[in-house]
C-alpha atoms as a PDB file:
ATOM      1  CA  MET A   1       4.612  -0.795  22.180  1.00  0.00           C
ATOM      2  CA  ASN A   2       2.831  -3.584  20.431  1.00  0.00           C
ATOM      3  CA  THR A   3       5.564  -5.717  18.679  1.00  0.00           C
ATOM      4  CA  ALA A   4       5.228  -8.570  16.233  1.00  0.00           C
ATOM      5  CA  ARG A   5       6.865 -11.872  16.980  1.00  0.00           C
ATOM      6  CA  THR A   6       9.088 -11.764  13.969  1.00  0.00           C
ATOM      7  CA  PRO A   7      12.848 -11.705  13.421  1.00  0.00           C
ATOM      8  CA  GLY A   8      14.336  -8.310  14.206  1.00  0.00           C
ATOM      9  CA  ILE A   9      15.632  -5.923  11.547  1.00  0.00           C
ATOM     10  CA  LEU A  10      16.374  -2.874  13.723  1.00  0.00           C
ATOM     11  CA  HIS A  11      17.694  -3.544  17.274  1.00  0.00           C
ATOM     12  CA  ILE A  12      17.387  -0.601  19.723  1.00  0.00           C
ATOM     13  CA  ASP A  13      19.458  -0.855  22.843  1.00  0.00           C
ATOM     14  CA  SER A  14      19.208   1.704  25.748  1.00  0.00           C
ATOM     15  CA  LEU A  15      18.439   4.524  23.275  1.00  0.00           C
ATOM     16  CA  ARG A  16      18.373   8.102  24.498  1.00  0.00           C
ATOM     17  CA  VAL A  17      17.173  10.763  22.031  1.00  0.00           C
ATOM     18  CA  GLY A  18      16.376  14.431  22.540  1.00  0.00           C
ATOM     19  CA  TYR A  19      17.792  17.927  22.548  1.00  0.00           C
ATOM     20  CA  PRO A  20      19.930  19.816  25.095  1.00  0.00           C
ATOM     21  CA  TYR A  21      18.010  21.470  27.930  1.00  0.00           C
ATOM     22  CA  ALA A  22      14.810  19.557  27.129  1.00  0.00           C
ATOM     23  CA  PRO A  23      13.343  16.308  28.453  1.00  0.00           C
ATOM     24  CA  PRO A  24      14.369  13.335  26.307  1.00  0.00           C
ATOM     25  CA  ILE A  25      11.944  11.867  23.746  1.00  0.00           C
ATOM     26  CA  VAL A  26      13.061   8.393  24.804  1.00  0.00           C
ATOM     27  CA  ASP A  27      15.566   7.492  27.515  1.00  0.00           C
ATOM     28  CA  GLY A  28      17.045   4.022  28.120  1.00  0.00           C
ATOM     29  CA  TRP A  29      14.595   2.512  25.631  1.00  0.00           C
ATOM     30  CA  SER A  30      15.285  -0.934  24.129  1.00  0.00           C
ATOM     31  CA  ALA A  31      13.107  -2.580  21.445  1.00  0.00           C
ATOM     32  CA  THR A  32      13.291  -4.577  18.261  1.00  0.00           C
ATOM     33  CA  LEU A  33      11.541  -3.726  14.963  1.00  0.00           C
ATOM     34  CA  GLY A  34      10.694  -6.618  12.769  1.00  0.00           C
ATOM     35  CA  PRO A  35       9.631  -6.725   9.092  1.00  0.00           C
ATOM     36  CA  GLY A  36       6.367  -5.211   7.961  1.00  0.00           C
ATOM     37  CA  VAL A  37       4.869  -1.838   8.593  1.00  0.00           C
ATOM     38  CA  THR A  38       5.175  -0.152  11.991  1.00  0.00           C
ATOM     39  CA  LEU A  39       3.186   2.889  12.975  1.00  0.00           C
ATOM     40  CA  LEU A  40       4.968   5.599  15.012  1.00  0.00           C
ATOM     41  CA  HIS A  41       2.083   7.495  16.408  1.00  0.00           C
ATOM     42  CA  GLY A  42       2.015  10.690  18.379  1.00  0.00           C
ATOM     43  CA  ASP A  43       0.708  14.278  18.421  1.00  0.00           C
ATOM     44  CA  THR A  44       2.528  17.203  16.838  1.00  0.00           C
ATOM     45  CA  GLY A  45       5.581  17.954  18.963  1.00  0.00           C
ATOM     46  CA  SER A  46       5.801  14.452  20.468  1.00  0.00           C
ATOM     47  CA  GLY A  47       9.184  13.762  18.771  1.00  0.00           C
ATOM     48  CA  LYS A  48       8.248  11.482  15.918  1.00  0.00           C
ATOM     49  CA  SER A  49      10.429  13.272  13.345  1.00  0.00           C
ATOM     50  CA  THR A  50      13.421  13.433  15.697  1.00  0.00           C
ATOM     51  CA  LEU A  51      13.144   9.795  16.545  1.00  0.00           C
ATOM     52  CA  LEU A  52      13.050   8.939  12.751  1.00  0.00           C
ATOM     53  CA  ARG A  53      16.172  11.042  12.257  1.00  0.00           C
ATOM     54  CA  ALA A  54      17.889   9.192  15.035  1.00  0.00           C
ATOM     55  CA  TRP A  55      16.987   5.840  13.469  1.00  0.00           C
ATOM     56  CA  ALA A  56      18.251   7.125  10.178  1.00  0.00           C
ATOM     57  CA  GLY A  57      21.589   7.939  11.835  1.00  0.00           C
ATOM     58  CA  VAL A  58      21.436  11.678  11.192  1.00  0.00           C
ATOM     59  CA  HIS A  59      20.439  12.876  14.669  1.00  0.00           C
ATOM     60  CA  PRO A  60      22.789  12.345  17.670  1.00  0.00           C
ATOM     61  CA  ALA A  61      21.602   9.651  20.082  1.00  0.00           C
ATOM     62  CA  ALA A  62      23.049   7.721  22.982  1.00  0.00           C
ATOM     63  CA  GLY A  63      22.767   3.971  23.194  1.00  0.00           C
ATOM     64  CA  ARG A  64      23.074   1.467  20.279  1.00  0.00           C
ATOM     65  CA  LEU A  65      21.273   0.963  17.026  1.00  0.00           C
ATOM     66  CA  THR A  66      21.986  -2.127  14.897  1.00  0.00           C
ATOM     67  CA  LEU A  67      20.280  -2.397  11.494  1.00  0.00           C
ATOM     68  CA  ALA A  68      20.467  -5.583   9.441  1.00  0.00           C
ATOM     69  CA  GLY A  69      23.488  -6.694  11.539  1.00  0.00           C
ATOM     70  CA  THR A  70      25.315  -3.367  11.135  1.00  0.00           C
ATOM     71  CA  PRO A  71      25.881  -1.252  14.220  1.00  0.00           C
ATOM     72  CA  LEU A  72      25.581   2.499  13.691  1.00  0.00           C
ATOM     73  CA  ASP A  73      28.418   3.336  16.098  1.00  0.00           C
ATOM     74  CA  ARG A  74      30.964   1.079  14.372  1.00  0.00           C
ATOM     75  CA  ASP A  75      29.976   1.461  10.734  1.00  0.00           C
ATOM     76  CA  PRO A  76      27.765   4.539  10.147  1.00  0.00           C
ATOM     77  CA  GLU A  77      28.132   4.497   6.320  1.00  0.00           C
ATOM     78  CA  GLY A  78      27.226   0.767   6.223  1.00  0.00           C
ATOM     79  CA  TYR A  79      24.275   1.391   8.526  1.00  0.00           C
ATOM     80  CA  GLN A  80      22.957   4.249   6.338  1.00  0.00           C
ATOM     81  CA  ARG A  81      23.193   2.126   3.234  1.00  0.00           C
ATOM     82  CA  HIS A  82      20.504  -0.090   4.832  1.00  0.00           C
ATOM     83  CA  VAL A  83      18.076   2.770   5.501  1.00  0.00           C
ATOM     84  CA  PHE A  84      15.930   5.012   3.271  1.00  0.00           C
ATOM     85  CA  PHE A  85      15.024   8.398   4.779  1.00  0.00           C
ATOM     86  CA  VAL A  86      14.190  11.737   3.218  1.00  0.00           C
ATOM     87  CA  ASP A  87      13.629  14.702   5.564  1.00  0.00           C
ATOM     88  CA  PRO A  88      10.436  16.455   4.268  1.00  0.00           C
ATOM     89  CA  SER A  89      11.976  19.791   4.967  1.00  0.00           C
ATOM     90  CA  THR A  90      15.104  19.209   2.830  1.00  0.00           C
ATOM     91  CA  ASP A  91      15.995  21.465  -0.120  1.00  0.00           C
ATOM     92  CA  THR A  92      18.862  19.224  -1.210  1.00  0.00           C
ATOM     93  CA  PHE A  93      17.182  18.197  -4.409  1.00  0.00           C
ATOM     94  CA  ASP A  94      15.509  21.488  -5.397  1.00  0.00           C
ATOM     95  CA  GLU A  95      17.769  22.135  -8.398  1.00  0.00           C
ATOM     96  CA  VAL A  96      17.474  18.673  -9.970  1.00  0.00           C
ATOM     97  CA  THR A  97      14.588  17.012 -11.815  1.00  0.00           C
ATOM     98  CA  ALA A  98      12.299  14.553 -10.192  1.00  0.00           C
ATOM     99  CA  ARG A  99      13.895  11.801 -12.281  1.00  0.00           C
ATOM    100  CA  ALA A 100      17.417  12.848 -11.281  1.00  0.00           C
ATOM    101  CA  CYS A 101      16.317  13.006  -7.609  1.00  0.00           C
ATOM    102  CA  THR A 102      15.042   9.392  -7.882  1.00  0.00           C
ATOM    103  CA  ASP A 103      18.338   8.288  -9.436  1.00  0.00           C
ATOM    104  CA  ALA A 104      20.336  10.030  -6.642  1.00  0.00           C
ATOM    105  CA  LEU A 105      18.183   8.441  -3.951  1.00  0.00           C
ATOM    106  CA  THR A 106      18.375   4.954  -5.365  1.00  0.00           C
ATOM    107  CA  GLN A 107      21.770   4.771  -7.092  1.00  0.00           C
ATOM    108  CA  ALA A 108      23.369   2.593  -4.339  1.00  0.00           C
ATOM    109  CA  ASP A 109      20.375   0.234  -4.189  1.00  0.00           C
ATOM    110  CA  ALA A 110      21.058  -3.052  -5.929  1.00  0.00           C
ATOM    111  CA  GLY A 111      17.510  -4.214  -5.125  1.00  0.00           C
ATOM    112  CA  PHE A 112      15.770  -1.240  -6.731  1.00  0.00           C
ATOM    113  CA  ASP A 113      12.428  -2.520  -8.100  1.00  0.00           C
ATOM    114  CA  ALA A 114      11.862  -0.669 -11.416  1.00  0.00           C
ATOM    115  CA  PRO A 115       8.471  -2.227 -12.211  1.00  0.00           C
ATOM    116  CA  ARG A 116       7.172  -1.171  -8.743  1.00  0.00           C
ATOM    117  CA  TRP A 117       8.523   2.288  -9.298  1.00  0.00           C
ATOM    118  CA  ASN A 118       6.793   2.574 -12.658  1.00  0.00           C
ATOM    119  CA  ALA A 119       3.506   1.460 -11.123  1.00  0.00           C
ATOM    120  CA  LEU A 120       3.888   3.985  -8.331  1.00  0.00           C
ATOM    121  CA  VAL A 121       4.659   6.746 -10.853  1.00  0.00           C
ATOM    122  CA  GLU A 122       1.403   5.870 -12.589  1.00  0.00           C
ATOM    123  CA  GLY A 123      -0.536   5.565  -9.322  1.00  0.00           C
ATOM    124  CA  PHE A 124       0.747   8.905  -8.063  1.00  0.00           C
ATOM    125  CA  SER A 125       0.223  10.604 -11.495  1.00  0.00           C
ATOM    126  CA  LEU A 126       3.856  11.596 -11.454  1.00  0.00           C
ATOM    127  CA  ALA A 127       4.729  11.031 -15.150  1.00  0.00           C
ATOM    128  CA  PRO A 128       4.108  14.646 -16.284  1.00  0.00           C
ATOM    129  CA  HIS A 129       6.424  15.926 -13.554  1.00  0.00           C
ATOM    130  CA  LEU A 130       9.477  13.640 -13.877  1.00  0.00           C
ATOM    131  CA  ASP A 131      11.519  16.058 -15.899  1.00  0.00           C
ATOM    132  CA  LYS A 132      10.614  19.162 -13.896  1.00  0.00           C
ATOM    133  CA  LYS A 133      12.974  20.478 -11.266  1.00  0.00           C
ATOM    134  CA  MET A 134      11.933  19.616  -7.720  1.00  0.00           C
ATOM    135  CA  HIS A 135      11.534  23.299  -6.637  1.00  0.00           C
ATOM    136  CA  MET A 136       8.810  23.574  -9.369  1.00  0.00           C
ATOM    137  CA  LEU A 137       6.741  20.867  -7.730  1.00  0.00           C
ATOM    138  CA  SER A 138       4.069  21.278  -5.102  1.00  0.00           C
ATOM    139  CA  THR A 139       4.669  19.864  -1.564  1.00  0.00           C
ATOM    140  CA  GLY A 140       2.500  16.832  -2.426  1.00  0.00           C
ATOM    141  CA  SER A 141       4.253  16.116  -5.723  1.00  0.00           C
ATOM    142  CA  LYS A 142       7.711  16.286  -4.071  1.00  0.00           C
ATOM    143  CA  ARG A 143       6.527  13.871  -1.472  1.00  0.00           C
ATOM    144  CA  LYS A 144       5.232  11.501  -4.185  1.00  0.00           C
ATOM    145  CA  VAL A 145       8.678  11.511  -5.797  1.00  0.00           C
ATOM    146  CA  TRP A 146      10.282  10.500  -2.460  1.00  0.00           C
ATOM    147  CA  LEU A 147       7.635   7.948  -1.723  1.00  0.00           C
ATOM    148  CA  ALA A 148       7.920   6.266  -5.112  1.00  0.00           C
ATOM    149  CA  ALA A 149      11.700   6.016  -4.629  1.00  0.00           C
ATOM    150  CA  ALA A 150      11.389   4.840  -0.987  1.00  0.00           C
ATOM    151  CA  LEU A 151       8.843   2.102  -1.638  1.00  0.00           C
ATOM    152  CA  SER A 152      10.847   0.797  -4.697  1.00  0.00           C
ATOM    153  CA  ALA A 153      14.295   0.848  -3.001  1.00  0.00           C
ATOM    154  CA  ASN A 154      14.058  -2.294  -0.937  1.00  0.00           C
ATOM    155  CA  ARG A 155      16.247  -1.089   1.892  1.00  0.00           C
ATOM    156  CA  ALA A 156      16.171  -3.001   5.153  1.00  0.00           C
ATOM    157  CA  LEU A 157      14.541   0.035   6.872  1.00  0.00           C
ATOM    158  CA  THR A 158      12.365   2.703   5.233  1.00  0.00           C
ATOM    159  CA  LEU A 159      11.295   5.700   7.357  1.00  0.00           C
ATOM    160  CA  LEU A 160       8.324   7.762   6.140  1.00  0.00           C
ATOM    161  CA  ASP A 161       7.576  10.976   7.991  1.00  0.00           C
ATOM    162  CA  GLU A 162       3.892  11.966   7.683  1.00  0.00           C
ATOM    163  CA  PRO A 163       3.691  10.397   4.215  1.00  0.00           C
ATOM    164  CA  THR A 164       0.143  11.502   3.417  1.00  0.00           C
ATOM    165  CA  GLY A 165       0.923  15.182   3.855  1.00  0.00           C
ATOM    166  CA  GLY A 166      -0.099  17.084   0.682  1.00  0.00           C
ATOM    167  CA  LEU A 167      -1.376  13.900  -1.056  1.00  0.00           C
ATOM    168  CA  ASP A 168      -4.659  13.755  -2.961  1.00  0.00           C
ATOM    169  CA  ALA A 169      -7.201  10.951  -2.254  1.00  0.00           C
ATOM    170  CA  GLY A 170      -6.081   8.793  -5.245  1.00  0.00           C
ATOM    171  CA  SER A 171      -2.400   9.057  -4.198  1.00  0.00           C
ATOM    172  CA  MET A 172      -3.235   8.106  -0.648  1.00  0.00           C
ATOM    173  CA  ARG A 173      -5.011   4.994  -1.974  1.00  0.00           C
ATOM    174  CA  CYS A 174      -1.949   4.171  -4.058  1.00  0.00           C
ATOM    175  CA  LEU A 175       0.282   4.617  -0.958  1.00  0.00           C
ATOM    176  CA  TRP A 176      -1.858   2.328   1.221  1.00  0.00           C
ATOM    177  CA  ARG A 177      -1.889  -0.380  -1.503  1.00  0.00           C
ATOM    178  CA  ALA A 178       1.890  -0.248  -1.780  1.00  0.00           C
ATOM    179  CA  LEU A 179       2.331  -0.411   1.970  1.00  0.00           C
ATOM    180  CA  ALA A 180      -0.157  -3.282   2.220  1.00  0.00           C
ATOM    181  CA  ASP A 181       1.904  -5.181  -0.441  1.00  0.00           C
ATOM    182  CA  ILE A 182       5.030  -4.655   1.618  1.00  0.00           C
ATOM    183  CA  ALA A 183       3.253  -5.700   4.792  1.00  0.00           C
ATOM    184  CA  ALA A 184       2.202  -8.978   3.051  1.00  0.00           C
ATOM    185  CA  THR A 185       5.701  -9.865   1.977  1.00  0.00           C
ATOM    186  CA  ALA A 186       7.238  -9.009   5.382  1.00  0.00           C
ATOM    187  CA  GLU A 187      10.697  -8.801   3.932  1.00  0.00           C
ATOM    188  CA  ARG A 188      11.727  -5.400   5.238  1.00  0.00           C
ATOM    189  CA  ALA A 189      10.792  -2.865   7.873  1.00  0.00           C
ATOM    190  CA  VAL A 190       8.803   0.326   7.099  1.00  0.00           C
ATOM    191  CA  VAL A 191       8.033   2.918   9.745  1.00  0.00           C
ATOM    192  CA  VAL A 192       5.191   5.359   9.176  1.00  0.00           C
ATOM    193  CA  ALA A 193       5.288   8.326  11.455  1.00  0.00           C
ATOM    194  CA  SER A 194       1.828   9.882  11.672  1.00  0.00           C
ATOM    195  CA  GLY A 195      -0.432  11.879  13.940  1.00  0.00           C
ATOM    196  CA  GLU A 196      -3.310   9.829  12.686  1.00  0.00           C
ATOM    197  CA  HIS A 197      -4.041   6.168  13.190  1.00  0.00           C
ATOM    198  CA  VAL A 198      -3.579   3.922  10.140  1.00  0.00           C
ATOM    199  CA  ASP A 199      -6.375   1.520   9.392  1.00  0.00           C
ATOM    200  CA  ALA A 200      -5.786   0.777   5.714  1.00  0.00           C
ATOM    201  CA  VAL A 201      -2.579  -1.285   6.226  1.00  0.00           C
ATOM    202  CA  PRO A 202      -1.996  -4.410   8.361  1.00  0.00           C
ATOM    203  CA  LEU A 203       0.492  -3.256  11.055  1.00  0.00           C
ATOM    204  CA  ALA A 204       3.286  -5.363  12.478  1.00  0.00           C
ATOM    205  CA  ALA A 205       3.650  -2.972  15.449  1.00  0.00           C
ATOM    206  CA  THR A 206       2.591   0.357  16.872  1.00  0.00           C
ATOM    207  CA  ILE A 207       4.792   2.689  18.899  1.00  0.00           C
ATOM    208  CA  ALA A 208       2.994   5.478  20.633  1.00  0.00           C
ATOM    209  CA  LEU A 209       4.745   8.641  21.802  1.00  0.00           C
ATOM    210  CA  PRO A 210       5.232   9.577  24.560  1.00  0.00           C
ATOM    211  CA  LEU A 211       6.275   6.175  25.682  1.00  0.00           C
ATOM    212  CA  ARG A 212       4.488   4.923  28.777  1.00  0.00           C
END
């Protein structure tokens, strides 16, 4: 793991993540994620999505995770208020509009950046879809709704699972610009899980799975 020499946002102590009757994805792993954009890189099946879910506090894990000073084991609700994560496979928002989905995802976020969200809606060409129900949208358009919310929410930790999946070229350029802006401010941590290397954004760190 290549880590930046910056103050920690997510502290990982002796983490063990996996599934019963299978080798663990990580075992006894300790690390610190600082502000900026971190790439979580690995092939399909390497455990990227599971590790993101563990960091989000929604997949069981042994060890200790502390985010923005809040330990997951002692205050899970407080921990999860600091993290933005949407599982790409979820159907939770299928029956609400894209606009209502955004409101639900960001309602607890006092730092929500409305001008940034408006710029992302324009950059992702989302305006015609905001009042459609999520189940009516393509996979790429659903992902754009989540990305616009995630990148505007200003949580301490934002977890993006294969964020370019289903995106057109213009939307990918918009995504990289937004992530580059976040990398430049270095105020929060964003983890991009991807099977591809990311060259369009300055990276604070890279984590490659499997760990060696």
